[in-house]
Amino acid sequence: MKLQRMNRRALALGALAVSGALALTACGSDETGNPDGGSSNAAAPSNIKCDDASGQVLADGSSAQKNAVDAWVKQFSAACKVEINYKAGGSGAGVTAFTQGQVPWAGSDSALKPEEVEASKKVCSGGQGIDLPMVGGPIAVGYNVPGVDKLVLDASTIAKIFDSKITNWNDPAIAKLNPDAKLPNLKIQAFHRSDESGTTDNFTKYLIATAKKDFPYEGGKAWQAKGGQSAPQSSGVAAQVKQTAGAIGYFELSYAKDGIKTVAIDTGAAEPVEATVANATKAIADAKIVGTGKDLALKLNYATKADGAYPMVLVTYEIVCDKGNKADTLPAVKAFLRYAASEDGQKILAENDYAPMPDDIIAKVRTTVESLS
């Protein structure tokens, strides 16, 4: 009997030891893996290089790339002990936050202007802000016209719609481009961005490059054309298009979800070009690097007429100091940007309706990220 009691006690102590070890293992997983305490750490990419990355990083900027950043953060945070908070308040807000030293990294769908580079020198000790092209994709023109499942527009017609020169869906100009469509007698509700936006900048650059006489504006991040209605961020414009009969608006393809239809553009090519990742990549591949030094700003060819090349594209830049980054955030920012530019990080883009950067461009981005100091 005494021996049996000793055996039972030994078994009980063994069970406690096993359960304790399991508990410690679970705690360790929560601390080093998924910030939500889940089990996704096991599925995190094993090749993410964290180095000394730790703590929290606050960033702001382009809402165009928010879905891409969210996908990157999910993987990166599961592998590294870093919390990335990306506000996505718009490109204008991001650049301002960066040049004022409020964030160590920002996203913008437009490269830094000379005055913005000059302002960045005040926060980049011994250096300056640079543009790293990281995310590409088509700017989709989404529409909500009952009974119209396919719609073709050209640059001139798009320009007139967004400048309130074409105000009804059965306008002859639209009908000419869509002879088989049953266009309703319905007022056009054109939505543009209310905030300063790189998406607006690239959208208007396309119109200025291809239909200047119908869109006589200077362009830029702030909307300048007449009339229309506004909404904040790409998500706000997409939401208005989805819920408003007769609506049309512009936003990144990744926001064209839940039944939002997109316009095919008549560029003068053999066939109208759909807004797809593959078609956007064809246009981005024609871009030229015009930045100097470590800056990798691109010049896009909005007027391309190549078959299958969707011309209304944007490239989102990650803006960071080339030198003089703050010591407390540099390891985390560098590790995150390294992952975003990696083969795995770029692969995630295509899975989320974005276009990866062409090989020669992303190779230069990877080299520049490693040189950040």
Protein backbone atom coordinates (compact mmCIF):
# COMPACT_ATOMS: atom_id res chain seq x y z
CA MET A 1 0.00 0.00 0.00
CA LYS A 2 2.79 2.38 0.89
CA LEU A 3 4.50 1.68 -2.43
CA GLN A 4 1.26 2.30 -4.34
CA ARG A 5 0.79 5.66 -2.61
CA MET A 6 4.36 6.65 -3.56
CA ASN A 7 3.76 5.65 -7.18
CA ARG A 8 0.51 7.65 -7.33
CA ARG A 9 2.32 10.67 -5.87
CA ALA A 10 5.11 10.37 -8.42
CA LEU A 11 2.59 10.23 -11.27
CA ALA A 12 0.79 13.30 -9.95
CA LEU A 13 4.04 15.27 -9.65
CA GLY A 14 4.99 14.18 -13.19
CA ALA A 15 1.68 15.41 -14.54
CA LEU A 16 2.15 18.75 -12.81
CA ALA A 17 5.62 19.07 -14.29
CA VAL A 18 4.34 18.37 -17.82
CA SER A 19 1.44 20.81 -17.48
CA GLY A 20 3.79 23.45 -16.09
CA ALA A 21 6.17 23.01 -19.01
CA LEU A 22 3.29 23.31 -21.45
CA ALA A 23 2.12 26.49 -19.73
CA LEU A 24 5.60 28.00 -19.92
CA THR A 25 5.83 27.06 -23.61
CA ALA A 26 2.48 28.73 -24.28
CA CYS A 27 3.58 31.89 -22.45
CA GLY A 28 6.79 31.95 -24.47
CA SER A 29 4.83 31.74 -27.71
CA ASP A 30 2.65 34.69 -26.75
CA GLU A 31 5.65 36.84 -25.88
CA THR A 32 7.66 36.19 -29.01
CA GLY A 33 5.01 35.54 -31.61
CA ASN A 34 1.52 36.64 -32.42
CA PRO A 35 0.65 39.81 -30.48
CA ASP A 36 -2.90 38.55 -30.18
CA GLY A 37 -1.69 35.52 -28.27
CA GLY A 38 -2.79 33.10 -31.00
CA SER A 39 -0.89 30.30 -32.64
CA SER A 40 -0.03 32.02 -35.93
CA ASN A 41 3.62 32.26 -34.87
CA ALA A 42 4.08 28.68 -36.02
CA ALA A 43 2.97 29.68 -39.50
CA ALA A 44 5.11 32.83 -39.70
CA PRO A 45 7.77 32.85 -42.44
CA SER A 46 10.95 31.39 -41.00
CA ASN A 47 13.22 33.55 -43.14
CA ILE A 48 12.17 36.96 -41.76
CA LYS A 49 15.31 38.56 -40.36
CA CYS A 50 14.38 40.44 -37.18
CA ASP A 51 17.88 41.42 -35.98
CA ASP A 52 17.43 43.72 -32.95
CA ALA A 53 13.93 44.86 -33.93
CA SER A 54 11.65 45.41 -30.94
CA GLY A 55 9.04 47.72 -29.47
CA GLN A 56 6.47 49.76 -31.37
CA VAL A 57 6.65 51.71 -34.62
CA LEU A 58 4.08 54.35 -35.58
CA ALA A 59 3.78 55.15 -39.28
CA ASP A 60 1.35 57.11 -41.43
CA GLY A 61 0.61 57.81 -45.07
CA SER A 62 -0.89 56.34 -48.21
CA SER A 63 -4.23 54.64 -47.76
CA ALA A 64 -3.64 53.08 -51.18
CA GLN A 65 -1.17 50.62 -49.70
CA LYS A 66 -3.01 49.95 -46.43
CA ASN A 67 -4.17 46.48 -47.43
CA ALA A 68 -0.61 45.61 -48.45
CA VAL A 69 0.86 46.96 -45.22
CA ASP A 70 -1.74 45.06 -43.19
CA ALA A 71 -0.69 41.82 -44.92
CA TRP A 72 2.99 42.55 -44.28
CA VAL A 73 2.39 43.46 -40.64
CA LYS A 74 0.51 40.22 -40.01
CA GLN A 75 3.49 38.15 -41.10
CA PHE A 76 6.21 40.41 -39.69
CA SER A 77 4.65 40.80 -36.26
CA ALA A 78 4.20 37.04 -36.01
CA ALA A 79 7.94 36.57 -36.48
CA CYS A 80 9.41 39.61 -34.69
CA LYS A 81 8.65 41.24 -31.36
CA VAL A 82 7.50 44.46 -33.03
CA GLU A 83 4.13 46.20 -33.18
CA ILE A 84 3.64 48.21 -36.38
CA ASN A 85 0.83 50.78 -36.24
CA TYR A 86 0.15 52.16 -39.72
CA LYS A 87 -2.41 54.95 -39.59
CA ALA A 88 -3.06 55.27 -43.37
CA GLY A 89 -4.24 58.88 -43.08
CA GLY A 90 -3.31 59.65 -46.69
CA SER A 91 -0.07 60.48 -48.51
CA GLY A 92 -0.18 64.17 -47.58
CA ALA A 93 -0.61 63.42 -43.89
CA GLY A 94 2.16 60.83 -44.02
CA VAL A 95 4.72 63.12 -45.61
CA THR A 96 3.87 65.90 -43.15
CA ALA A 97 4.19 63.53 -40.19
CA PHE A 98 7.57 62.35 -41.52
CA THR A 99 9.05 65.79 -42.19
CA GLN A 100 7.89 66.94 -38.75
CA GLY A 101 9.63 64.00 -37.09
CA GLN A 102 6.42 62.40 -35.81
CA VAL A 103 7.01 59.07 -37.56
CA PRO A 104 10.24 57.31 -38.65
CA TRP A 105 8.70 56.01 -41.86
CA ALA A 106 5.79 57.08 -44.09
CA GLY A 107 4.02 55.88 -47.21
CA SER A 108 3.26 58.13 -50.19
CA ASP A 109 1.91 57.52 -53.68
CA SER A 110 3.96 60.48 -54.88
CA ALA A 111 7.70 61.01 -54.57
CA LEU A 112 8.96 63.71 -52.23
CA LYS A 113 9.01 67.22 -53.66
CA PRO A 114 12.24 69.27 -53.39
CA GLU A 115 10.83 71.35 -50.53
CA GLU A 116 9.80 68.18 -48.70
CA VAL A 117 13.29 66.73 -49.10
CA GLU A 118 14.70 69.97 -47.68
CA ALA A 119 12.31 69.80 -44.71
CA SER A 120 13.31 66.18 -44.06
CA LYS A 121 16.93 67.19 -43.47
CA LYS A 122 15.85 68.72 -40.16
CA VAL A 123 14.77 65.29 -38.85
CA CYS A 124 17.29 63.09 -40.71
CA SER A 125 20.50 63.98 -38.88
CA GLY A 126 23.19 64.25 -41.55
CA GLY A 127 20.88 62.76 -44.18
CA GLN A 128 17.56 63.27 -45.94
CA GLY A 129 14.31 61.56 -46.80
CA ILE A 130 14.41 59.14 -49.74
CA ASP A 131 11.75 57.36 -51.82
CA LEU A 132 11.75 53.55 -51.94
CA PRO A 133 9.23 52.17 -54.49
CA MET A 134 7.65 49.17 -52.80
CA VAL A 135 4.02 48.74 -53.89
CA GLY A 136 2.49 49.03 -57.35
CA GLY A 137 -0.96 48.65 -58.76
CA PRO A 138 -3.74 49.93 -60.95
CA ILE A 139 -5.95 52.83 -59.96
CA ALA A 140 -9.35 51.35 -60.69
CA VAL A 141 -12.27 53.48 -61.77
CA GLY A 142 -15.17 51.87 -59.99
CA TYR A 143 -18.79 52.48 -60.95
CA ASN A 144 -22.32 51.66 -59.83
CA VAL A 145 -24.71 51.80 -62.78
CA PRO A 146 -27.69 49.41 -62.47
CA GLY A 147 -27.91 47.06 -65.44
CA VAL A 148 -24.42 47.83 -66.76
CA ASP A 149 -21.98 45.00 -66.07
CA LYS A 150 -19.25 46.11 -68.48
CA LEU A 151 -18.18 49.69 -69.14
CA VAL A 152 -15.47 51.14 -71.39
CA LEU A 153 -14.26 54.73 -71.06
CA ASP A 154 -11.35 56.63 -72.54
CA ALA A 155 -9.24 59.38 -70.98
CA SER A 156 -11.25 62.22 -72.50
CA THR A 157 -14.57 60.85 -71.23
CA ILE A 158 -13.18 60.15 -67.75
CA ALA A 159 -11.80 63.70 -67.61
CA LYS A 160 -15.14 65.21 -68.60
CA ILE A 161 -17.04 63.09 -66.08
CA PHE A 162 -14.80 64.15 -63.19
CA ASP A 163 -14.87 67.81 -64.29
CA SER A 164 -18.69 67.83 -64.41
CA LYS A 165 -18.79 68.26 -68.21
CA ILE A 166 -20.56 64.91 -68.67
CA THR A 167 -23.31 64.58 -66.09
CA ASN A 168 -25.59 61.72 -67.20
CA TRP A 169 -24.91 58.06 -67.87
CA ASN A 170 -26.70 58.02 -71.24
CA ASP A 171 -24.48 60.81 -72.59
CA PRO A 172 -23.61 60.28 -76.29
CA ALA A 173 -19.87 60.13 -75.53
CA ILE A 174 -20.36 57.20 -73.15
CA ALA A 175 -22.85 55.53 -75.49
CA LYS A 176 -20.38 55.69 -78.38
CA LEU A 177 -17.81 53.74 -76.35
CA ASN A 178 -20.44 51.24 -75.18
CA PRO A 179 -22.74 50.47 -78.14
CA ASP A 180 -24.05 47.24 -76.60
CA ALA A 181 -24.76 48.60 -73.11
CA LYS A 182 -28.20 49.71 -71.93
CA LEU A 183 -27.19 53.01 -70.37
CA PRO A 184 -29.87 54.44 -68.06
CA ASN A 185 -31.08 58.02 -67.89
CA LEU A 186 -29.33 58.45 -64.55
CA LYS A 187 -27.34 61.32 -63.06
CA ILE A 188 -23.63 60.69 -62.61
CA GLN A 189 -22.38 60.98 -59.02
CA ALA A 190 -18.61 61.46 -59.30
CA PHE A 191 -16.63 60.95 -56.09
CA HIS A 192 -13.09 62.17 -55.47
CA ARG A 193 -10.80 62.23 -52.42
CA SER A 194 -11.42 64.87 -49.76
CA ASP A 195 -7.93 64.51 -48.28
CA GLU A 196 -4.59 65.16 -49.93
CA SER A 197 -3.80 61.95 -51.72
CA GLY A 198 -1.12 60.40 -53.89
CA THR A 199 -3.93 58.46 -55.54
CA THR A 200 -5.46 61.76 -56.67
CA ASP A 201 -2.02 62.92 -57.81
CA ASN A 202 -1.49 59.84 -60.00
CA PHE A 203 -5.09 59.80 -61.26
CA THR A 204 -4.85 63.42 -62.39
CA LYS A 205 -1.34 62.90 -63.83
CA TYR A 206 -2.89 60.28 -66.10
CA LEU A 207 -5.67 62.66 -67.20
CA ILE A 208 -3.24 65.54 -67.75
CA ALA A 209 -0.89 63.32 -69.78
CA THR A 210 -3.64 61.91 -71.99
CA ALA A 211 -6.51 64.44 -72.04
CA LYS A 212 -5.04 67.82 -71.10
CA LYS A 213 -7.60 69.86 -73.07
CA ASP A 214 -10.43 68.15 -71.19
CA PHE A 215 -8.70 68.35 -67.81
CA PRO A 216 -7.02 71.77 -67.69
CA TYR A 217 -5.57 71.58 -64.20
CA GLU A 218 -2.09 71.46 -62.68
CA GLY A 219 -2.77 68.27 -60.74
CA GLY A 220 -1.34 67.36 -57.37
CA LYS A 221 -2.46 65.65 -54.18
CA ALA A 222 -5.40 68.02 -53.63
CA TRP A 223 -8.45 67.70 -55.90
CA GLN A 224 -8.85 70.69 -58.25
CA ALA A 225 -11.61 69.90 -60.76
CA LYS A 226 -15.12 71.31 -60.56
CA GLY A 227 -18.13 69.74 -58.90
CA GLY A 228 -18.46 66.19 -57.74
CA GLN A 229 -18.59 64.86 -54.20
CA SER A 230 -15.78 63.91 -51.86
CA ALA A 231 -14.95 61.20 -49.34
CA PRO A 232 -11.88 60.52 -47.18
CA GLN A 233 -9.31 57.87 -48.10
CA SER A 234 -9.68 55.20 -50.76
CA SER A 235 -11.95 53.18 -48.50
CA GLY A 236 -14.34 56.13 -48.20
CA VAL A 237 -14.58 56.66 -51.96
CA ALA A 238 -15.11 52.94 -52.54
CA ALA A 239 -17.85 52.84 -49.90
CA GLN A 240 -19.69 55.74 -51.56
CA VAL A 241 -19.49 54.09 -54.99
CA LYS A 242 -20.83 50.84 -53.59
CA GLN A 243 -23.85 52.41 -51.92
CA THR A 244 -24.75 55.16 -54.45
CA ALA A 245 -26.62 54.39 -57.68
CA GLY A 246 -25.01 56.34 -60.52
CA ALA A 247 -21.70 56.70 -58.69
CA ILE A 248 -18.19 56.60 -60.11
CA GLY A 249 -14.89 57.03 -58.26
CA TYR A 250 -11.20 56.18 -58.32
CA PHE A 251 -9.27 54.00 -55.88
CA GLU A 252 -6.76 51.17 -55.84
CA LEU A 253 -7.89 47.83 -57.24
CA SER A 254 -7.67 46.23 -53.80
CA TYR A 255 -10.65 48.39 -52.74
CA ALA A 256 -12.81 47.22 -55.66
CA LYS A 257 -14.48 44.48 -53.65
CA ASP A 258 -17.96 43.26 -52.74
CA GLY A 259 -19.40 43.63 -56.22
CA ILE A 260 -17.87 46.96 -57.25
CA LYS A 261 -17.36 46.88 -61.02
CA THR A 262 -14.41 48.58 -62.70
CA VAL A 263 -13.99 50.44 -65.99
CA ALA A 264 -11.90 49.09 -68.88
CA ILE A 265 -9.86 51.88 -70.49
CA ASP A 266 -9.71 52.49 -74.24
CA THR A 267 -6.06 53.56 -74.56
CA GLY A 268 -5.85 53.23 -78.33
CA ALA A 269 -4.48 49.71 -78.02
CA ALA A 270 -6.04 46.79 -79.89
CA GLU A 271 -8.53 46.15 -77.07
CA PRO A 272 -9.76 48.12 -74.02
CA VAL A 273 -7.53 47.31 -71.03
CA GLU A 274 -8.91 45.94 -67.78
CA ALA A 275 -7.65 47.04 -64.38
CA THR A 276 -5.67 43.98 -63.32
CA VAL A 277 -2.41 43.41 -61.44
CA ALA A 278 -0.77 41.82 -64.49
CA ASN A 279 -1.80 44.70 -66.76
CA ALA A 280 -0.50 47.24 -64.23
CA THR A 281 2.85 45.44 -64.01
CA LYS A 282 3.25 45.81 -67.78
CA ALA A 283 2.92 49.59 -67.42
CA ILE A 284 5.18 49.87 -64.34
CA ALA A 285 7.92 47.91 -66.09
CA ASP A 286 8.22 50.87 -68.48
CA ALA A 287 9.03 53.25 -65.60
CA LYS A 288 12.39 55.00 -65.32
CA ILE A 289 14.31 55.74 -62.11
CA VAL A 290 14.74 59.51 -61.94
CA GLY A 291 15.85 59.85 -58.30
CA THR A 292 19.46 60.67 -57.49
CA GLY A 293 21.78 59.06 -54.97
CA LYS A 294 19.86 56.58 -52.84
CA ASP A 295 16.52 58.07 -53.87
CA LEU A 296 14.64 55.72 -56.20
CA ALA A 297 11.76 57.91 -57.40
CA LEU A 298 10.22 56.69 -60.67
CA LYS A 299 8.76 58.36 -63.75
CA LEU A 300 5.74 56.45 -65.04
CA ASN A 301 4.56 56.40 -68.67
CA TYR A 302 0.87 57.26 -68.28
CA ALA A 303 0.37 57.64 -72.03
CA THR A 304 1.36 54.10 -72.97
CA LYS A 305 -0.66 52.46 -75.74
CA ALA A 306 0.99 49.07 -75.46
CA ASP A 307 -1.41 46.15 -75.74
CA GLY A 308 -2.46 44.93 -72.31
CA ALA A 309 -0.76 47.77 -70.42
CA TYR A 310 -3.13 49.44 -67.95
CA PRO A 311 -1.92 53.06 -67.87
CA MET A 312 -3.63 54.40 -64.76
CA VAL A 313 -1.13 53.06 -62.24
CA LEU A 314 0.55 54.27 -59.11
CA VAL A 315 3.63 53.30 -57.18
CA THR A 316 3.68 53.74 -53.44
CA TYR A 317 6.98 54.78 -51.91
CA GLU A 318 8.15 54.03 -48.40
CA ILE A 319 9.80 57.25 -47.23
CA VAL A 320 12.62 56.97 -44.73
CA CYS A 321 15.86 58.76 -43.81
CA ASP A 322 18.89 57.48 -45.70
CA LYS A 323 21.04 58.51 -42.72
CA GLY A 324 20.28 59.88 -39.29
CA ASN A 325 17.42 57.55 -38.37
CA LYS A 326 16.55 57.45 -34.68
CA ALA A 327 18.37 54.67 -32.87
CA ASP A 328 15.27 53.44 -31.04
CA THR A 329 13.27 52.78 -34.22
CA LEU A 330 15.92 52.07 -36.88
CA PRO A 331 16.23 48.29 -36.23
CA ALA A 332 12.48 47.75 -36.45
CA VAL A 333 11.97 49.99 -39.50
CA LYS A 334 14.91 48.43 -41.30
CA ALA A 335 13.75 44.88 -40.56
CA PHE A 336 10.20 45.64 -41.67
CA LEU A 337 11.26 47.29 -44.94
CA ARG A 338 13.69 44.42 -45.58
CA TYR A 339 10.79 41.99 -45.32
CA ALA A 340 8.47 44.15 -47.47
CA ALA A 341 11.09 44.24 -50.24
CA SER A 342 11.89 40.53 -49.96
CA GLU A 343 10.67 37.90 -52.38
CA ASP A 344 8.07 36.77 -49.84
CA GLY A 345 6.96 40.33 -49.13
CA GLN A 346 6.53 41.12 -52.80
CA LYS A 347 4.68 37.86 -53.40
CA ILE A 348 2.07 38.93 -50.85
CA LEU A 349 1.30 41.98 -53.00
CA ALA A 350 -0.03 39.93 -55.91
CA GLU A 351 -2.17 37.93 -53.49
CA ASN A 352 -3.83 41.21 -52.39
CA ASP A 353 -4.48 42.84 -55.79
CA TYR A 354 -1.26 44.85 -55.86
CA ALA A 355 1.56 44.72 -58.41
CA PRO A 356 5.04 43.67 -57.26
CA MET A 357 7.92 45.90 -58.29
CA PRO A 358 9.89 44.80 -61.37
CA ASP A 359 13.02 42.77 -60.51
CA ASP A 360 15.59 45.44 -61.39
CA ILE A 361 13.83 48.09 -59.31
CA ILE A 362 13.23 45.96 -56.21
CA ALA A 363 16.87 44.80 -56.29
CA LYS A 364 17.97 48.42 -55.88
CA VAL A 365 15.43 48.88 -53.07
CA ARG A 366 16.87 45.88 -51.18
CA THR A 367 20.40 47.26 -51.45
CA THR A 368 19.28 50.67 -50.22
CA VAL A 369 17.36 49.25 -47.25
CA GLU A 370 20.52 47.44 -46.06
CA SER A 371 22.42 50.75 -46.17
CA LEU A 372 19.99 52.68 -43.95
CA SER A 373 21.70 54.10 -40.88
